[in-house]
Amino acid sequence: MEQEGQQFAAPAFSPRPQQMMGFMDALSTVFRNKYAAFSGRASRSEYWWGYLGYFVVATVLQIVGLVAAIALSSVSEGLAGLAIAVPYLAIFAMIIPMIGVTVRRLHDTGKSGWMALIFIVPCIGIILWLVWMIEDGQAHDNTYGPVPTNTLE
């Protein structure tokens, strides 16, 4: 379809990465290189490895905090409360990169980052969110940037 002086062309094709991002590379990208980055795109492997790392670290921090609180409860209630609070502060600090990687993952599928709010809708929202996180990203450059390379930047 052509209008006067204007041509419409297909987006530039750029093949998806042939291999997935490794666990440590994904953690380094999510928590160090793109801590609060909400622009660009994230591959499936970056997203899922990042969330696995978050889950493992959060679980270990909660267990350590609970054990420390139990051990310190006989010494001081204040120290026991501090032992519970410190891990939760660290977990809270990790929420920012997790929101960032979710927004970048939605960008990879061609959706706005605001679509992450669909998670709030009971039942249907969680199902849609899961489908969007699992689906393959667009194989061409989109309005959010080039295809992710699955390499450290």
N, C-alpha and C. Protein backbone atom coordinates (compact mmCIF):
# COMPACT_ATOMS: atom_id res chain seq x y z
N MET A 1 0.85 -1.17 0.00
CA MET A 1 0.00 0.00 0.00
C MET A 1 0.89 1.23 0.00
N GLU A 2 0.64 2.13 -0.89
CA GLU A 2 1.52 3.29 -1.02
C GLU A 2 0.67 4.54 -1.10
N GLN A 3 1.05 5.51 -0.29
CA GLN A 3 0.40 6.80 -0.36
C GLN A 3 1.36 7.76 -1.03
N GLU A 4 0.88 8.91 -1.34
CA GLU A 4 1.68 9.87 -2.06
C GLU A 4 2.95 10.22 -1.29
N GLY A 5 4.11 9.88 -1.87
CA GLY A 5 5.40 10.20 -1.28
C GLY A 5 5.75 9.39 -0.05
N GLN A 6 4.99 8.38 0.26
CA GLN A 6 5.23 7.62 1.48
C GLN A 6 5.13 6.13 1.17
N GLN A 7 6.10 5.37 1.65
CA GLN A 7 6.07 3.92 1.45
C GLN A 7 6.00 3.25 2.81
N PHE A 8 5.29 2.16 2.85
CA PHE A 8 5.22 1.37 4.06
C PHE A 8 6.06 0.13 3.87
N ALA A 9 6.94 -0.13 4.81
CA ALA A 9 7.82 -1.29 4.69
C ALA A 9 7.69 -2.16 5.92
N ALA A 10 8.02 -3.41 5.74
CA ALA A 10 8.01 -4.34 6.86
C ALA A 10 9.15 -3.98 7.81
N PRO A 11 8.99 -4.26 9.10
CA PRO A 11 10.07 -3.96 10.04
C PRO A 11 11.30 -4.80 9.73
N ALA A 12 12.45 -4.26 10.08
CA ALA A 12 13.71 -4.95 9.83
C ALA A 12 13.75 -6.25 10.63
N PHE A 13 14.02 -7.34 9.95
CA PHE A 13 14.08 -8.65 10.61
C PHE A 13 15.45 -8.82 11.25
N SER A 14 15.44 -9.26 12.48
CA SER A 14 16.67 -9.56 13.21
C SER A 14 16.41 -10.86 13.95
N PRO A 15 17.12 -11.93 13.62
CA PRO A 15 16.78 -13.22 14.21
C PRO A 15 16.90 -13.23 15.72
N ARG A 16 16.05 -14.02 16.35
CA ARG A 16 16.12 -14.18 17.80
C ARG A 16 17.43 -14.86 18.15
N PRO A 17 17.93 -14.64 19.37
CA PRO A 17 19.16 -15.31 19.78
C PRO A 17 19.04 -16.82 19.70
N GLN A 18 20.09 -17.48 19.25
CA GLN A 18 20.05 -18.92 19.08
C GLN A 18 20.24 -19.66 20.41
N GLN A 19 20.85 -19.02 21.39
CA GLN A 19 21.02 -19.68 22.68
C GLN A 19 20.48 -18.78 23.78
N MET A 20 20.06 -19.41 24.86
CA MET A 20 19.50 -18.63 25.94
C MET A 20 20.60 -18.04 26.81
N MET A 21 20.24 -17.02 27.55
CA MET A 21 21.17 -16.38 28.47
C MET A 21 21.37 -17.31 29.67
N GLY A 22 22.58 -17.43 30.15
CA GLY A 22 22.87 -18.28 31.30
C GLY A 22 22.38 -17.66 32.60
N PHE A 23 22.34 -18.47 33.64
CA PHE A 23 21.83 -18.04 34.94
C PHE A 23 22.62 -16.87 35.51
N MET A 24 23.93 -16.98 35.57
CA MET A 24 24.75 -15.92 36.16
C MET A 24 24.74 -14.66 35.29
N ASP A 25 24.71 -14.83 33.97
CA ASP A 25 24.63 -13.66 33.09
C ASP A 25 23.31 -12.93 33.29
N ALA A 26 22.23 -13.68 33.45
CA ALA A 26 20.93 -13.06 33.66
C ALA A 26 20.90 -12.31 35.00
N LEU A 27 21.44 -12.92 36.05
CA LEU A 27 21.47 -12.24 37.35
C LEU A 27 22.30 -10.98 37.28
N SER A 28 23.43 -11.04 36.60
CA SER A 28 24.29 -9.87 36.46
C SER A 28 23.58 -8.77 35.68
N THR A 29 22.87 -9.14 34.64
CA THR A 29 22.14 -8.16 33.83
C THR A 29 21.00 -7.54 34.62
N VAL A 30 20.21 -8.36 35.28
CA VAL A 30 19.02 -7.87 35.98
C VAL A 30 19.40 -7.06 37.22
N PHE A 31 20.32 -7.55 38.03
CA PHE A 31 20.59 -6.91 39.32
C PHE A 31 21.75 -5.93 39.31
N ARG A 32 22.60 -5.94 38.29
CA ARG A 32 23.73 -5.02 38.27
C ARG A 32 23.67 -4.07 37.08
N ASN A 33 23.62 -4.61 35.89
CA ASN A 33 23.70 -3.76 34.69
C ASN A 33 22.42 -2.97 34.42
N LYS A 34 21.28 -3.56 34.71
CA LYS A 34 20.00 -2.89 34.42
C LYS A 34 19.12 -2.88 35.67
N TYR A 35 19.68 -2.42 36.78
CA TYR A 35 18.98 -2.46 38.07
C TYR A 35 17.62 -1.77 38.01
N ALA A 36 17.59 -0.55 37.50
CA ALA A 36 16.33 0.20 37.44
C ALA A 36 16.01 0.62 36.01
N ALA A 37 16.34 -0.23 35.04
CA ALA A 37 16.10 0.07 33.63
C ALA A 37 14.72 -0.44 33.23
N PHE A 38 13.89 0.48 32.76
CA PHE A 38 12.55 0.12 32.34
C PHE A 38 12.38 0.25 30.83
N SER A 39 13.45 0.59 30.13
CA SER A 39 13.38 0.71 28.67
C SER A 39 14.19 -0.42 28.05
N GLY A 40 13.89 -0.71 26.82
CA GLY A 40 14.57 -1.80 26.13
C GLY A 40 13.77 -3.09 26.21
N ARG A 41 14.44 -4.18 25.91
CA ARG A 41 13.77 -5.48 25.85
C ARG A 41 14.55 -6.52 26.63
N ALA A 42 13.85 -7.54 27.12
CA ALA A 42 14.48 -8.65 27.85
C ALA A 42 13.99 -9.97 27.26
N SER A 43 14.90 -10.88 27.04
CA SER A 43 14.53 -12.19 26.49
C SER A 43 13.86 -13.04 27.56
N ARG A 44 13.27 -14.14 27.11
CA ARG A 44 12.63 -15.06 28.07
C ARG A 44 13.62 -15.59 29.08
N SER A 45 14.81 -15.98 28.60
CA SER A 45 15.79 -16.56 29.52
C SER A 45 16.25 -15.54 30.55
N GLU A 46 16.44 -14.29 30.15
CA GLU A 46 16.82 -13.25 31.12
C GLU A 46 15.73 -13.08 32.18
N TYR A 47 14.49 -13.06 31.73
CA TYR A 47 13.36 -12.88 32.65
C TYR A 47 13.24 -14.04 33.63
N TRP A 48 13.19 -15.25 33.11
CA TRP A 48 12.94 -16.40 33.99
C TRP A 48 14.13 -16.71 34.89
N TRP A 49 15.36 -16.60 34.39
CA TRP A 49 16.53 -16.80 35.26
C TRP A 49 16.58 -15.71 36.33
N GLY A 50 16.22 -14.48 35.97
CA GLY A 50 16.19 -13.40 36.95
C GLY A 50 15.19 -13.67 38.06
N TYR A 51 14.01 -14.14 37.68
CA TYR A 51 13.00 -14.43 38.70
C TYR A 51 13.39 -15.64 39.55
N LEU A 52 14.03 -16.64 38.96
CA LEU A 52 14.50 -17.77 39.76
C LEU A 52 15.53 -17.30 40.77
N GLY A 53 16.46 -16.46 40.34
CA GLY A 53 17.46 -15.92 41.26
C GLY A 53 16.83 -15.12 42.37
N TYR A 54 15.83 -14.30 42.04
CA TYR A 54 15.12 -13.53 43.05
C TYR A 54 14.45 -14.45 44.06
N PHE A 55 13.77 -15.47 43.58
CA PHE A 55 13.07 -16.41 44.45
C PHE A 55 14.04 -17.13 45.39
N VAL A 56 15.17 -17.59 44.86
CA VAL A 56 16.15 -18.31 45.68
C VAL A 56 16.75 -17.39 46.74
N VAL A 57 17.17 -16.19 46.34
CA VAL A 57 17.78 -15.25 47.29
C VAL A 57 16.76 -14.83 48.34
N ALA A 58 15.53 -14.54 47.93
CA ALA A 58 14.50 -14.13 48.89
C ALA A 58 14.19 -15.24 49.88
N THR A 59 14.13 -16.47 49.41
CA THR A 59 13.87 -17.60 50.30
C THR A 59 15.00 -17.79 51.30
N VAL A 60 16.24 -17.75 50.83
CA VAL A 60 17.39 -17.91 51.73
C VAL A 60 17.43 -16.78 52.75
N LEU A 61 17.18 -15.54 52.32
CA LEU A 61 17.19 -14.41 53.25
C LEU A 61 16.10 -14.55 54.32
N GLN A 62 14.94 -15.02 53.93
CA GLN A 62 13.87 -15.21 54.90
C GLN A 62 14.22 -16.30 55.91
N ILE A 63 14.80 -17.39 55.46
CA ILE A 63 15.18 -18.47 56.37
C ILE A 63 16.27 -18.00 57.33
N VAL A 64 17.30 -17.32 56.79
CA VAL A 64 18.39 -16.81 57.64
C VAL A 64 17.84 -15.82 58.66
N GLY A 65 16.96 -14.92 58.23
CA GLY A 65 16.36 -13.96 59.14
C GLY A 65 15.54 -14.62 60.23
N LEU A 66 14.80 -15.64 59.88
CA LEU A 66 13.99 -16.35 60.87
C LEU A 66 14.85 -17.10 61.87
N VAL A 67 15.87 -17.78 61.38
CA VAL A 67 16.78 -18.51 62.28
C VAL A 67 17.51 -17.53 63.20
N ALA A 68 17.96 -16.40 62.65
CA ALA A 68 18.65 -15.40 63.47
C ALA A 68 17.70 -14.81 64.51
N ALA A 69 16.45 -14.57 64.13
CA ALA A 69 15.48 -14.02 65.08
C ALA A 69 15.21 -15.00 66.21
N ILE A 70 15.11 -16.28 65.88
CA ILE A 70 14.88 -17.29 66.92
C ILE A 70 16.09 -17.35 67.85
N ALA A 71 17.29 -17.32 67.28
CA ALA A 71 18.50 -17.39 68.09
C ALA A 71 18.67 -16.15 68.96
N LEU A 72 18.28 -14.98 68.46
CA LEU A 72 18.46 -13.74 69.21
C LEU A 72 17.29 -13.40 70.12
N SER A 73 16.21 -14.15 70.03
CA SER A 73 15.03 -13.83 70.85
C SER A 73 15.30 -13.98 72.34
N SER A 74 16.21 -14.87 72.72
CA SER A 74 16.54 -15.02 74.15
C SER A 74 17.45 -13.90 74.63
N VAL A 75 18.19 -13.25 73.72
CA VAL A 75 19.09 -12.17 74.10
C VAL A 75 18.34 -10.85 74.18
N SER A 76 17.62 -10.51 73.11
CA SER A 76 16.93 -9.22 73.06
C SER A 76 15.83 -9.28 72.01
N GLU A 77 14.67 -8.77 72.37
CA GLU A 77 13.57 -8.73 71.41
C GLU A 77 13.86 -7.73 70.29
N GLY A 78 14.59 -6.66 70.62
CA GLY A 78 14.94 -5.66 69.61
C GLY A 78 15.85 -6.24 68.54
N LEU A 79 16.85 -7.03 68.97
CA LEU A 79 17.75 -7.67 68.01
C LEU A 79 17.01 -8.71 67.16
N ALA A 80 16.08 -9.40 67.77
CA ALA A 80 15.29 -10.39 67.04
C ALA A 80 14.44 -9.69 65.98
N GLY A 81 13.85 -8.56 66.33
CA GLY A 81 13.07 -7.80 65.36
C GLY A 81 13.93 -7.27 64.23
N LEU A 82 15.15 -6.86 64.55
CA LEU A 82 16.08 -6.38 63.54
C LEU A 82 16.49 -7.51 62.60
N ALA A 83 16.68 -8.71 63.17
CA ALA A 83 17.05 -9.86 62.36
C ALA A 83 15.94 -10.24 61.38
N ILE A 84 14.71 -9.94 61.72
CA ILE A 84 13.59 -10.17 60.81
C ILE A 84 13.50 -9.06 59.77
N ALA A 85 13.74 -7.80 60.18
CA ALA A 85 13.55 -6.65 59.30
C ALA A 85 14.61 -6.54 58.21
N VAL A 86 15.86 -6.83 58.52
CA VAL A 86 16.96 -6.64 57.55
C VAL A 86 16.76 -7.47 56.29
N PRO A 87 16.45 -8.76 56.37
CA PRO A 87 16.21 -9.51 55.13
C PRO A 87 15.06 -8.95 54.30
N TYR A 88 14.02 -8.48 54.95
CA TYR A 88 12.89 -7.93 54.20
C TYR A 88 13.26 -6.62 53.51
N LEU A 89 14.16 -5.85 54.08
CA LEU A 89 14.64 -4.64 53.40
C LEU A 89 15.42 -5.01 52.13
N ALA A 90 16.23 -6.06 52.21
CA ALA A 90 16.97 -6.53 51.03
C ALA A 90 16.01 -7.05 49.97
N ILE A 91 15.00 -7.80 50.39
CA ILE A 91 14.00 -8.32 49.44
C ILE A 91 13.24 -7.16 48.80
N PHE A 92 12.92 -6.15 49.59
CA PHE A 92 12.23 -4.97 49.06
C PHE A 92 13.10 -4.25 48.03
N ALA A 93 14.40 -4.18 48.26
CA ALA A 93 15.32 -3.53 47.31
C ALA A 93 15.39 -4.30 45.99
N MET A 94 15.13 -5.60 46.02
CA MET A 94 15.18 -6.40 44.80
C MET A 94 13.89 -6.31 43.98
N ILE A 95 12.88 -5.65 44.49
CA ILE A 95 11.62 -5.52 43.75
C ILE A 95 11.80 -4.62 42.53
N ILE A 96 12.61 -3.57 42.65
CA ILE A 96 12.80 -2.63 41.55
C ILE A 96 13.34 -3.33 40.30
N PRO A 97 14.44 -4.11 40.38
CA PRO A 97 14.89 -4.78 39.17
C PRO A 97 13.91 -5.82 38.64
N MET A 98 13.10 -6.41 39.52
CA MET A 98 12.14 -7.40 39.06
C MET A 98 11.00 -6.73 38.27
N ILE A 99 10.59 -5.55 38.70
CA ILE A 99 9.59 -4.80 37.93
C ILE A 99 10.20 -4.38 36.60
N GLY A 100 11.46 -3.95 36.64
CA GLY A 100 12.15 -3.54 35.41
C GLY A 100 12.24 -4.65 34.39
N VAL A 101 12.63 -5.85 34.83
CA VAL A 101 12.76 -6.96 33.88
C VAL A 101 11.39 -7.40 33.36
N THR A 102 10.35 -7.26 34.17
CA THR A 102 9.00 -7.58 33.71
C THR A 102 8.57 -6.59 32.62
N VAL A 103 8.84 -5.31 32.82
CA VAL A 103 8.49 -4.30 31.82
C VAL A 103 9.28 -4.55 30.54
N ARG A 104 10.57 -4.85 30.66
CA ARG A 104 11.37 -5.12 29.46
C ARG A 104 10.91 -6.38 28.75
N ARG A 105 10.45 -7.38 29.51
CA ARG A 105 9.93 -8.62 28.89
C ARG A 105 8.66 -8.32 28.12
N LEU A 106 7.78 -7.49 28.67
CA LEU A 106 6.57 -7.09 27.95
C LEU A 106 6.93 -6.31 26.69
N HIS A 107 7.96 -5.47 26.77
CA HIS A 107 8.41 -4.74 25.58
C HIS A 107 8.88 -5.71 24.51
N ASP A 108 9.51 -6.80 24.90
CA ASP A 108 10.00 -7.78 23.92
C ASP A 108 8.85 -8.42 23.16
N THR A 109 7.70 -8.55 23.80
CA THR A 109 6.54 -9.12 23.12
C THR A 109 5.71 -8.07 22.41
N GLY A 110 6.15 -6.80 22.46
CA GLY A 110 5.45 -5.73 21.76
C GLY A 110 4.36 -5.07 22.57
N LYS A 111 4.33 -5.31 23.87
CA LYS A 111 3.29 -4.73 24.72
C LYS A 111 3.87 -3.61 25.58
N SER A 112 3.02 -2.72 26.01
CA SER A 112 3.44 -1.65 26.89
C SER A 112 3.77 -2.22 28.27
N GLY A 113 4.69 -1.59 28.96
CA GLY A 113 5.04 -2.01 30.31
C GLY A 113 3.88 -1.88 31.29
N TRP A 114 2.96 -0.98 30.98
CA TRP A 114 1.79 -0.81 31.84
C TRP A 114 0.89 -2.04 31.85
N MET A 115 1.06 -2.92 30.87
CA MET A 115 0.27 -4.15 30.83
C MET A 115 0.60 -5.07 32.00
N ALA A 116 1.70 -4.81 32.70
CA ALA A 116 2.04 -5.60 33.88
C ALA A 116 0.97 -5.45 34.96
N LEU A 117 0.22 -4.37 34.92
CA LEU A 117 -0.84 -4.17 35.90
C LEU A 117 -1.99 -5.15 35.73
N ILE A 118 -2.01 -5.91 34.64
CA ILE A 118 -3.04 -6.93 34.43
C ILE A 118 -2.97 -7.98 35.54
N PHE A 119 -1.79 -8.08 36.16
CA PHE A 119 -1.58 -9.04 37.25
C PHE A 119 -2.54 -8.78 38.41
N ILE A 120 -3.03 -7.56 38.53
CA ILE A 120 -3.93 -7.19 39.62
C ILE A 120 -5.31 -7.84 39.46
N VAL A 121 -5.73 -8.07 38.23
CA VAL A 121 -7.05 -8.64 37.96
C VAL A 121 -7.05 -10.10 38.43
N PRO A 122 -7.97 -10.48 39.31
CA PRO A 122 -7.98 -11.85 39.82
C PRO A 122 -8.18 -12.89 38.71
N CYS A 123 -7.54 -14.00 38.84
CA CYS A 123 -7.63 -15.18 37.96
C CYS A 123 -7.20 -14.91 36.52
N ILE A 124 -7.98 -14.16 35.80
CA ILE A 124 -7.70 -13.91 34.38
C ILE A 124 -6.38 -13.16 34.22
N GLY A 125 -6.12 -12.19 35.08
CA GLY A 125 -4.90 -11.40 34.98
C GLY A 125 -3.65 -12.23 35.14
N ILE A 126 -3.66 -13.15 36.07
CA ILE A 126 -2.49 -14.00 36.30
C ILE A 126 -2.27 -14.92 35.10
N ILE A 127 -3.34 -15.43 34.53
CA ILE A 127 -3.22 -16.31 33.36
C ILE A 127 -2.66 -15.53 32.17
N LEU A 128 -3.19 -14.34 31.90
CA LEU A 128 -2.69 -13.51 30.80
C LEU A 128 -1.22 -13.15 31.02
N TRP A 129 -0.88 -12.76 32.24
CA TRP A 129 0.51 -12.39 32.57
C TRP A 129 1.43 -13.57 32.28
N LEU A 130 1.05 -14.76 32.70
CA LEU A 130 1.87 -15.95 32.48
C LEU A 130 2.03 -16.25 30.99
N VAL A 131 0.95 -16.14 30.23
CA VAL A 131 1.02 -16.38 28.78
C VAL A 131 1.96 -15.37 28.13
N TRP A 132 1.88 -14.10 28.52
CA TRP A 132 2.73 -13.07 27.93
C TRP A 132 4.20 -13.28 28.28
N MET A 133 4.47 -13.78 29.48
CA MET A 133 5.86 -14.00 29.88
C MET A 133 6.45 -15.24 29.19
N ILE A 134 5.60 -16.19 28.83
CA ILE A 134 6.07 -17.42 28.19
C ILE A 134 6.24 -17.25 26.68
N GLU A 135 5.39 -16.43 26.06
CA GLU A 135 5.42 -16.33 24.60
C GLU A 135 6.75 -15.76 24.10
N ASP A 136 7.10 -16.15 22.89
CA ASP A 136 8.33 -15.69 22.27
C ASP A 136 8.22 -14.22 21.93
N GLY A 137 9.33 -13.52 22.03
CA GLY A 137 9.35 -12.11 21.70
C GLY A 137 9.28 -11.89 20.20
N GLN A 138 9.10 -10.65 19.81
CA GLN A 138 9.03 -10.32 18.39
C GLN A 138 10.40 -10.49 17.75
N ALA A 139 10.42 -11.04 16.56
CA ALA A 139 11.67 -11.37 15.87
C ALA A 139 12.23 -10.18 15.09
N HIS A 140 11.69 -9.01 15.32
CA HIS A 140 12.17 -7.83 14.61
C HIS A 140 12.26 -6.67 15.60
N ASP A 141 12.95 -5.63 15.18
CA ASP A 141 13.03 -4.43 16.00
C ASP A 141 11.62 -3.87 16.17
N ASN A 142 11.29 -3.44 17.37
CA ASN A 142 9.98 -2.83 17.57
C ASN A 142 10.18 -1.45 18.19
N THR A 143 9.11 -0.82 18.61
CA THR A 143 9.21 0.54 19.13
C THR A 143 10.00 0.62 20.43
N TYR A 144 10.24 -0.51 21.07
CA TYR A 144 10.96 -0.53 22.35
C TYR A 144 12.44 -0.82 22.20
N GLY A 145 12.88 -1.14 20.99
CA GLY A 145 14.30 -1.35 20.77
C GLY A 145 14.60 -2.57 19.92
N PRO A 146 15.90 -2.87 19.77
CA PRO A 146 16.30 -4.02 18.96
C PRO A 146 16.05 -5.34 19.71
N VAL A 147 16.16 -6.42 18.99
CA VAL A 147 16.00 -7.76 19.56
C VAL A 147 17.10 -7.98 20.60
N PRO A 148 16.77 -8.50 21.79
CA PRO A 148 17.82 -8.75 22.79
C PRO A 148 18.84 -9.76 22.30
N THR A 149 20.10 -9.55 22.67
CA THR A 149 21.18 -10.40 22.16
C THR A 149 21.54 -11.55 23.10
N ASN A 150 21.05 -11.52 24.34
CA ASN A 150 21.39 -12.51 25.36
C ASN A 150 22.88 -12.52 25.69
N THR A 151 23.51 -11.36 25.58
CA THR A 151 24.90 -11.22 26.01
C THR A 151 24.97 -10.10 27.03
N LEU A 152 26.00 -10.15 27.85
CA LEU A 152 26.17 -9.10 28.85
C LEU A 152 26.51 -7.79 28.17
N GLU A 153 25.93 -6.73 28.67
CA GLU A 153 26.18 -5.40 28.08
C GLU A 153 27.08 -4.61 28.99
